[in-house]
Amino acid sequence: MQIGETQHAGSNLIKIYSVTADAVGTFYGSLVDGTERDVIHPDGSITFEGGATFVSAYACGTVQFLYSGRGNIYTHEETGHFVGTQGTGCLAGIYSVGTFHGYLNATREGCDVAGDNVSYNGQVVFAP
């Protein structure tokens, strides 16, 4: 994730990120064209929400993913839930829902990288 815009709203700090990431596991491909909005509260807690388009590594389809959750700037821990809908091509009719939990590992100035420290659990349903 690359930091885009940063602003203050009262005592809260708001950061807008551009989201791109590789995806491996049940979904193999990339997340592209995403945006995440984090609200960092004075006590260090974070609330966030975002979305991105998953593009299959096999170039056969896409899925729209939305997610939201909570985190902490001091422990780097985050937890939340996601949904995947509006599949196209070979992913048409897909509906995915799940949770995630893990620890962020900031590795570059201005970037937050989840890497292998975030695990995801969920269900995938293909409907006609």
N, C-alpha and C. Protein backbone atom coordinates (compact mmCIF):
# COMPACT_ATOMS: atom_id res chain seq x y z
N MET A 1 0.84 -1.17 0.00
CA MET A 1 0.00 0.00 0.00
C MET A 1 0.89 1.23 0.00
N GLN A 2 0.51 2.19 -0.78
CA GLN A 2 1.23 3.44 -0.87
C GLN A 2 0.37 4.55 -0.30
N ILE A 3 0.93 5.35 0.62
CA ILE A 3 0.19 6.45 1.22
C ILE A 3 -0.06 7.52 0.16
N GLY A 4 -1.33 7.97 0.09
CA GLY A 4 -1.69 9.05 -0.82
C GLY A 4 -1.89 10.32 -0.04
N GLU A 5 -3.07 10.52 0.46
CA GLU A 5 -3.45 11.74 1.15
C GLU A 5 -3.46 11.53 2.66
N THR A 6 -3.04 12.57 3.40
CA THR A 6 -3.10 12.56 4.86
C THR A 6 -3.75 13.86 5.31
N GLN A 7 -4.69 13.77 6.26
CA GLN A 7 -5.35 14.96 6.77
C GLN A 7 -5.75 14.76 8.22
N HIS A 8 -6.04 15.85 8.91
CA HIS A 8 -6.50 15.80 10.29
C HIS A 8 -7.99 16.10 10.34
N ALA A 9 -8.69 15.40 11.22
CA ALA A 9 -10.11 15.66 11.49
C ALA A 9 -10.25 15.69 13.00
N GLY A 10 -10.21 16.86 13.58
CA GLY A 10 -10.19 16.98 15.03
C GLY A 10 -8.91 16.37 15.55
N SER A 11 -9.02 15.47 16.51
CA SER A 11 -7.83 14.82 17.07
C SER A 11 -7.45 13.54 16.33
N ASN A 12 -8.18 13.20 15.28
CA ASN A 12 -7.91 12.00 14.49
C ASN A 12 -7.04 12.33 13.27
N LEU A 13 -6.24 11.36 12.85
CA LEU A 13 -5.45 11.46 11.63
C LEU A 13 -6.07 10.52 10.61
N ILE A 14 -6.33 11.01 9.42
CA ILE A 14 -6.91 10.19 8.35
C ILE A 14 -5.87 10.00 7.27
N LYS A 15 -5.66 8.74 6.87
CA LYS A 15 -4.72 8.41 5.80
C LYS A 15 -5.47 7.65 4.72
N ILE A 16 -5.22 8.05 3.48
CA ILE A 16 -5.79 7.37 2.33
C ILE A 16 -4.65 6.65 1.62
N TYR A 17 -4.83 5.35 1.37
CA TYR A 17 -3.81 4.53 0.73
C TYR A 17 -4.28 4.07 -0.65
N SER A 18 -3.33 3.88 -1.52
CA SER A 18 -3.55 3.20 -2.79
C SER A 18 -3.22 1.72 -2.54
N VAL A 19 -4.14 0.82 -2.89
CA VAL A 19 -3.98 -0.60 -2.58
C VAL A 19 -3.66 -1.39 -3.84
N THR A 20 -2.52 -2.08 -3.82
CA THR A 20 -2.16 -3.10 -4.81
C THR A 20 -1.41 -4.18 -4.04
N ALA A 21 -1.67 -5.42 -4.38
CA ALA A 21 -1.01 -6.52 -3.67
C ALA A 21 -1.12 -7.80 -4.47
N ASP A 22 -0.18 -8.69 -4.26
CA ASP A 22 -0.28 -10.04 -4.81
C ASP A 22 -1.16 -10.86 -3.90
N ALA A 23 -1.90 -11.78 -4.47
CA ALA A 23 -2.77 -12.67 -3.69
C ALA A 23 -2.42 -14.11 -4.03
N VAL A 24 -2.23 -14.93 -2.99
CA VAL A 24 -1.96 -16.35 -3.18
C VAL A 24 -2.85 -17.12 -2.23
N GLY A 25 -3.16 -18.35 -2.59
CA GLY A 25 -4.06 -19.18 -1.79
C GLY A 25 -5.25 -19.54 -2.65
N THR A 26 -6.44 -19.44 -2.08
CA THR A 26 -7.65 -19.73 -2.84
C THR A 26 -7.75 -18.83 -4.06
N PHE A 27 -7.41 -17.56 -3.89
CA PHE A 27 -7.37 -16.61 -4.99
C PHE A 27 -5.91 -16.37 -5.34
N TYR A 28 -5.58 -16.60 -6.60
CA TYR A 28 -4.21 -16.44 -7.07
C TYR A 28 -4.20 -15.38 -8.15
N GLY A 29 -3.58 -14.24 -7.85
CA GLY A 29 -3.53 -13.14 -8.80
C GLY A 29 -3.10 -11.87 -8.11
N SER A 30 -3.78 -10.76 -8.42
CA SER A 30 -3.39 -9.46 -7.87
C SER A 30 -4.62 -8.64 -7.48
N LEU A 31 -4.45 -7.83 -6.46
CA LEU A 31 -5.43 -6.81 -6.11
C LEU A 31 -4.94 -5.50 -6.72
N VAL A 32 -5.80 -4.83 -7.47
CA VAL A 32 -5.42 -3.59 -8.16
C VAL A 32 -6.50 -2.53 -7.98
N ASP A 33 -6.15 -1.30 -8.32
CA ASP A 33 -7.09 -0.17 -8.33
C ASP A 33 -7.84 -0.02 -7.01
N GLY A 34 -7.17 -0.28 -5.91
CA GLY A 34 -7.83 -0.21 -4.61
C GLY A 34 -7.54 1.06 -3.84
N THR A 35 -8.41 1.33 -2.88
CA THR A 35 -8.25 2.47 -1.99
C THR A 35 -8.63 2.04 -0.58
N GLU A 36 -7.87 2.48 0.41
CA GLU A 36 -8.18 2.23 1.81
C GLU A 36 -8.14 3.54 2.56
N ARG A 37 -9.08 3.71 3.48
CA ARG A 37 -9.15 4.90 4.33
C ARG A 37 -8.99 4.47 5.78
N ASP A 38 -7.93 4.95 6.41
CA ASP A 38 -7.66 4.64 7.82
C ASP A 38 -7.93 5.87 8.67
N VAL A 39 -8.61 5.69 9.79
CA VAL A 39 -8.77 6.75 10.78
C VAL A 39 -7.98 6.33 12.01
N ILE A 40 -6.92 7.10 12.32
CA ILE A 40 -6.06 6.80 13.45
C ILE A 40 -6.49 7.71 14.61
N HIS A 41 -6.94 7.08 15.68
CA HIS A 41 -7.47 7.79 16.83
C HIS A 41 -6.34 8.11 17.82
N PRO A 42 -6.55 9.11 18.69
CA PRO A 42 -5.49 9.53 19.63
C PRO A 42 -4.95 8.41 20.52
N ASP A 43 -5.77 7.40 20.82
CA ASP A 43 -5.31 6.31 21.67
C ASP A 43 -4.51 5.25 20.92
N GLY A 44 -4.30 5.45 19.60
CA GLY A 44 -3.54 4.50 18.79
C GLY A 44 -4.39 3.49 18.07
N SER A 45 -5.68 3.45 18.35
CA SER A 45 -6.55 2.52 17.63
C SER A 45 -6.82 3.04 16.23
N ILE A 46 -7.09 2.13 15.33
CA ILE A 46 -7.34 2.46 13.93
C ILE A 46 -8.64 1.79 13.49
N THR A 47 -9.46 2.49 12.75
CA THR A 47 -10.58 1.89 12.04
C THR A 47 -10.29 2.11 10.56
N PHE A 48 -10.59 1.10 9.75
CA PHE A 48 -10.28 1.23 8.32
C PHE A 48 -11.32 0.53 7.47
N GLU A 49 -11.40 0.98 6.22
CA GLU A 49 -12.25 0.34 5.23
C GLU A 49 -11.64 0.56 3.86
N GLY A 50 -11.88 -0.38 2.97
CA GLY A 50 -11.30 -0.25 1.64
C GLY A 50 -11.88 -1.24 0.67
N GLY A 51 -11.34 -1.22 -0.51
CA GLY A 51 -11.77 -2.13 -1.55
C GLY A 51 -10.76 -2.16 -2.68
N ALA A 52 -10.80 -3.24 -3.45
CA ALA A 52 -9.89 -3.39 -4.59
C ALA A 52 -10.47 -4.43 -5.53
N THR A 53 -9.99 -4.42 -6.75
CA THR A 53 -10.38 -5.41 -7.75
C THR A 53 -9.35 -6.52 -7.77
N PHE A 54 -9.80 -7.77 -7.60
CA PHE A 54 -8.93 -8.93 -7.74
C PHE A 54 -8.92 -9.33 -9.21
N VAL A 55 -7.71 -9.50 -9.77
CA VAL A 55 -7.55 -9.94 -11.15
C VAL A 55 -6.88 -11.31 -11.11
N SER A 56 -7.56 -12.31 -11.67
CA SER A 56 -7.04 -13.67 -11.68
C SER A 56 -5.71 -13.74 -12.43
N ALA A 57 -4.77 -14.51 -11.88
CA ALA A 57 -3.47 -14.70 -12.53
C ALA A 57 -3.63 -15.41 -13.87
N TYR A 58 -4.76 -16.06 -14.08
CA TYR A 58 -5.02 -16.79 -15.32
C TYR A 58 -5.73 -15.91 -16.34
N ALA A 59 -5.90 -14.62 -16.01
CA ALA A 59 -6.52 -13.64 -16.91
C ALA A 59 -7.91 -14.07 -17.35
N CYS A 60 -8.63 -14.75 -16.45
CA CYS A 60 -9.95 -15.24 -16.84
C CYS A 60 -11.09 -14.51 -16.15
N GLY A 61 -10.80 -13.64 -15.18
CA GLY A 61 -11.89 -12.95 -14.52
C GLY A 61 -11.42 -12.05 -13.39
N THR A 62 -12.39 -11.33 -12.82
CA THR A 62 -12.14 -10.41 -11.72
C THR A 62 -13.21 -10.58 -10.65
N VAL A 63 -12.91 -10.08 -9.44
CA VAL A 63 -13.86 -10.04 -8.32
C VAL A 63 -13.63 -8.72 -7.59
N GLN A 64 -14.71 -8.08 -7.16
CA GLN A 64 -14.61 -6.85 -6.37
C GLN A 64 -14.58 -7.23 -4.89
N PHE A 65 -13.54 -6.82 -4.18
CA PHE A 65 -13.42 -7.08 -2.75
C PHE A 65 -13.59 -5.79 -1.95
N LEU A 66 -14.38 -5.86 -0.89
CA LEU A 66 -14.54 -4.77 0.09
C LEU A 66 -14.15 -5.33 1.45
N TYR A 67 -13.55 -4.49 2.28
CA TYR A 67 -13.15 -4.95 3.61
C TYR A 67 -13.21 -3.81 4.61
N SER A 68 -13.27 -4.16 5.88
CA SER A 68 -13.21 -3.17 6.96
C SER A 68 -12.66 -3.86 8.20
N GLY A 69 -12.15 -3.05 9.12
CA GLY A 69 -11.60 -3.64 10.32
C GLY A 69 -11.07 -2.63 11.30
N ARG A 70 -10.32 -3.16 12.26
CA ARG A 70 -9.73 -2.37 13.33
C ARG A 70 -8.26 -2.77 13.47
N GLY A 71 -7.46 -1.83 13.93
CA GLY A 71 -6.05 -2.11 14.14
C GLY A 71 -5.51 -1.26 15.27
N ASN A 72 -4.18 -1.35 15.46
CA ASN A 72 -3.53 -0.60 16.51
C ASN A 72 -2.13 -0.20 16.03
N ILE A 73 -1.79 1.10 16.13
CA ILE A 73 -0.49 1.56 15.64
C ILE A 73 0.66 1.10 16.51
N TYR A 74 0.39 0.75 17.76
CA TYR A 74 1.47 0.34 18.67
C TYR A 74 1.78 -1.15 18.58
N THR A 75 0.76 -1.99 18.41
CA THR A 75 1.00 -3.43 18.31
C THR A 75 1.09 -3.91 16.87
N HIS A 76 0.68 -3.07 15.90
CA HIS A 76 0.64 -3.40 14.48
C HIS A 76 -0.34 -4.52 14.17
N GLU A 77 -1.20 -4.85 15.12
CA GLU A 77 -2.19 -5.90 14.93
C GLU A 77 -3.40 -5.35 14.20
N GLU A 78 -3.99 -6.17 13.34
CA GLU A 78 -5.23 -5.78 12.68
C GLU A 78 -6.16 -6.98 12.56
N THR A 79 -7.44 -6.70 12.52
CA THR A 79 -8.45 -7.73 12.37
C THR A 79 -9.63 -7.13 11.61
N GLY A 80 -10.34 -7.93 10.85
CA GLY A 80 -11.46 -7.40 10.10
C GLY A 80 -12.18 -8.47 9.31
N HIS A 81 -13.06 -8.02 8.41
CA HIS A 81 -13.80 -8.94 7.56
C HIS A 81 -13.80 -8.42 6.12
N PHE A 82 -14.10 -9.33 5.18
CA PHE A 82 -14.12 -8.97 3.76
C PHE A 82 -15.27 -9.67 3.05
N VAL A 83 -15.66 -9.11 1.93
CA VAL A 83 -16.62 -9.76 1.03
C VAL A 83 -16.09 -9.59 -0.39
N GLY A 84 -16.34 -10.59 -1.21
CA GLY A 84 -15.98 -10.53 -2.63
C GLY A 84 -17.23 -10.83 -3.45
N THR A 85 -17.56 -9.93 -4.37
CA THR A 85 -18.77 -10.09 -5.19
C THR A 85 -18.49 -9.60 -6.61
N GLN A 86 -19.50 -9.64 -7.44
CA GLN A 86 -19.47 -9.12 -8.81
C GLN A 86 -18.39 -9.78 -9.65
N GLY A 87 -18.28 -11.09 -9.55
CA GLY A 87 -17.29 -11.79 -10.34
C GLY A 87 -17.59 -11.72 -11.82
N THR A 88 -16.52 -11.69 -12.62
CA THR A 88 -16.66 -11.69 -14.08
C THR A 88 -15.88 -12.87 -14.65
N GLY A 89 -16.16 -13.21 -15.89
CA GLY A 89 -15.44 -14.28 -16.57
C GLY A 89 -15.53 -15.59 -15.82
N CYS A 90 -14.38 -16.26 -15.60
CA CYS A 90 -14.37 -17.55 -14.91
C CYS A 90 -14.76 -17.43 -13.44
N LEU A 91 -14.84 -16.21 -12.92
CA LEU A 91 -15.24 -15.98 -11.53
C LEU A 91 -16.66 -15.43 -11.42
N ALA A 92 -17.42 -15.48 -12.51
CA ALA A 92 -18.80 -14.99 -12.51
C ALA A 92 -19.62 -15.79 -11.51
N GLY A 93 -20.48 -15.10 -10.78
CA GLY A 93 -21.35 -15.75 -9.81
C GLY A 93 -20.69 -16.01 -8.47
N ILE A 94 -19.48 -15.54 -8.28
CA ILE A 94 -18.78 -15.80 -7.03
C ILE A 94 -19.29 -14.89 -5.91
N TYR A 95 -19.33 -15.45 -4.73
CA TYR A 95 -19.58 -14.68 -3.51
C TYR A 95 -18.62 -15.23 -2.46
N SER A 96 -17.81 -14.36 -1.88
CA SER A 96 -16.83 -14.77 -0.88
C SER A 96 -17.00 -13.90 0.35
N VAL A 97 -16.88 -14.51 1.52
CA VAL A 97 -16.97 -13.77 2.77
C VAL A 97 -15.98 -14.38 3.75
N GLY A 98 -15.34 -13.53 4.55
CA GLY A 98 -14.38 -14.09 5.50
C GLY A 98 -13.82 -13.05 6.45
N THR A 99 -12.85 -13.50 7.22
CA THR A 99 -12.21 -12.65 8.21
C THR A 99 -10.70 -12.68 8.01
N PHE A 100 -10.03 -11.69 8.57
CA PHE A 100 -8.58 -11.70 8.54
C PHE A 100 -8.05 -11.20 9.88
N HIS A 101 -6.83 -11.63 10.19
CA HIS A 101 -6.17 -11.23 11.42
C HIS A 101 -4.67 -11.34 11.19
N GLY A 102 -3.92 -10.40 11.73
CA GLY A 102 -2.48 -10.49 11.59
C GLY A 102 -1.77 -9.25 12.08
N TYR A 103 -0.51 -9.17 11.73
CA TYR A 103 0.35 -8.08 12.15
C TYR A 103 1.01 -7.46 10.93
N LEU A 104 0.90 -6.15 10.78
CA LEU A 104 1.53 -5.46 9.67
C LEU A 104 3.02 -5.30 9.93
N ASN A 105 3.76 -5.35 8.85
CA ASN A 105 5.20 -5.23 8.93
C ASN A 105 5.62 -4.11 7.98
N ALA A 106 5.79 -2.89 8.50
CA ALA A 106 6.19 -1.77 7.66
C ALA A 106 7.65 -1.97 7.24
N THR A 107 7.87 -2.07 5.94
CA THR A 107 9.22 -2.36 5.44
C THR A 107 9.83 -1.22 4.64
N ARG A 108 9.03 -0.26 4.18
CA ARG A 108 9.55 0.85 3.39
C ARG A 108 8.90 2.14 3.86
N GLU A 109 9.62 3.22 3.79
CA GLU A 109 9.08 4.54 4.14
C GLU A 109 7.81 4.79 3.33
N GLY A 110 6.71 5.11 4.01
CA GLY A 110 5.46 5.44 3.33
C GLY A 110 4.64 4.25 2.90
N CYS A 111 5.07 3.03 3.22
CA CYS A 111 4.33 1.84 2.81
C CYS A 111 4.05 0.95 4.01
N ASP A 112 2.90 0.31 3.99
CA ASP A 112 2.56 -0.72 4.96
C ASP A 112 2.41 -2.02 4.18
N VAL A 113 3.10 -3.05 4.61
CA VAL A 113 3.07 -4.32 3.90
C VAL A 113 2.58 -5.40 4.83
N ALA A 114 1.48 -6.05 4.47
CA ALA A 114 0.94 -7.12 5.30
C ALA A 114 1.80 -8.37 5.18
N GLY A 115 2.22 -8.70 3.98
CA GLY A 115 3.09 -9.85 3.76
C GLY A 115 2.52 -11.16 4.27
N ASP A 116 3.37 -11.99 4.81
CA ASP A 116 2.96 -13.31 5.29
C ASP A 116 2.41 -13.27 6.70
N ASN A 117 2.32 -12.08 7.29
CA ASN A 117 1.89 -12.00 8.69
C ASN A 117 0.39 -11.84 8.87
N VAL A 118 -0.38 -11.88 7.80
CA VAL A 118 -1.83 -11.77 7.90
C VAL A 118 -2.44 -13.05 7.36
N SER A 119 -3.32 -13.67 8.14
CA SER A 119 -3.99 -14.88 7.67
C SER A 119 -5.46 -14.58 7.43
N TYR A 120 -6.03 -15.29 6.46
CA TYR A 120 -7.40 -15.07 6.04
C TYR A 120 -8.18 -16.37 6.15
N ASN A 121 -9.42 -16.27 6.58
CA ASN A 121 -10.32 -17.41 6.63
C ASN A 121 -11.62 -16.99 5.99
N GLY A 122 -12.24 -17.90 5.24
CA GLY A 122 -13.50 -17.53 4.61
C GLY A 122 -14.15 -18.65 3.87
N GLN A 123 -15.25 -18.31 3.22
CA GLN A 123 -15.98 -19.24 2.40
C GLN A 123 -16.17 -18.63 1.02
N VAL A 124 -16.13 -19.49 0.01
CA VAL A 124 -16.37 -19.06 -1.36
C VAL A 124 -17.56 -19.85 -1.88
N VAL A 125 -18.54 -19.14 -2.43
CA VAL A 125 -19.72 -19.77 -2.99
C VAL A 125 -19.87 -19.32 -4.43
N PHE A 126 -20.09 -20.27 -5.34
CA PHE A 126 -20.41 -19.93 -6.73
C PHE A 126 -21.89 -20.15 -6.90
N ALA A 127 -22.61 -19.13 -7.33
CA ALA A 127 -24.05 -19.22 -7.55
C ALA A 127 -24.36 -19.00 -9.02
N PRO A 128 -25.45 -19.57 -9.49
CA PRO A 128 -25.79 -19.38 -10.91
C PRO A 128 -26.13 -17.94 -11.23
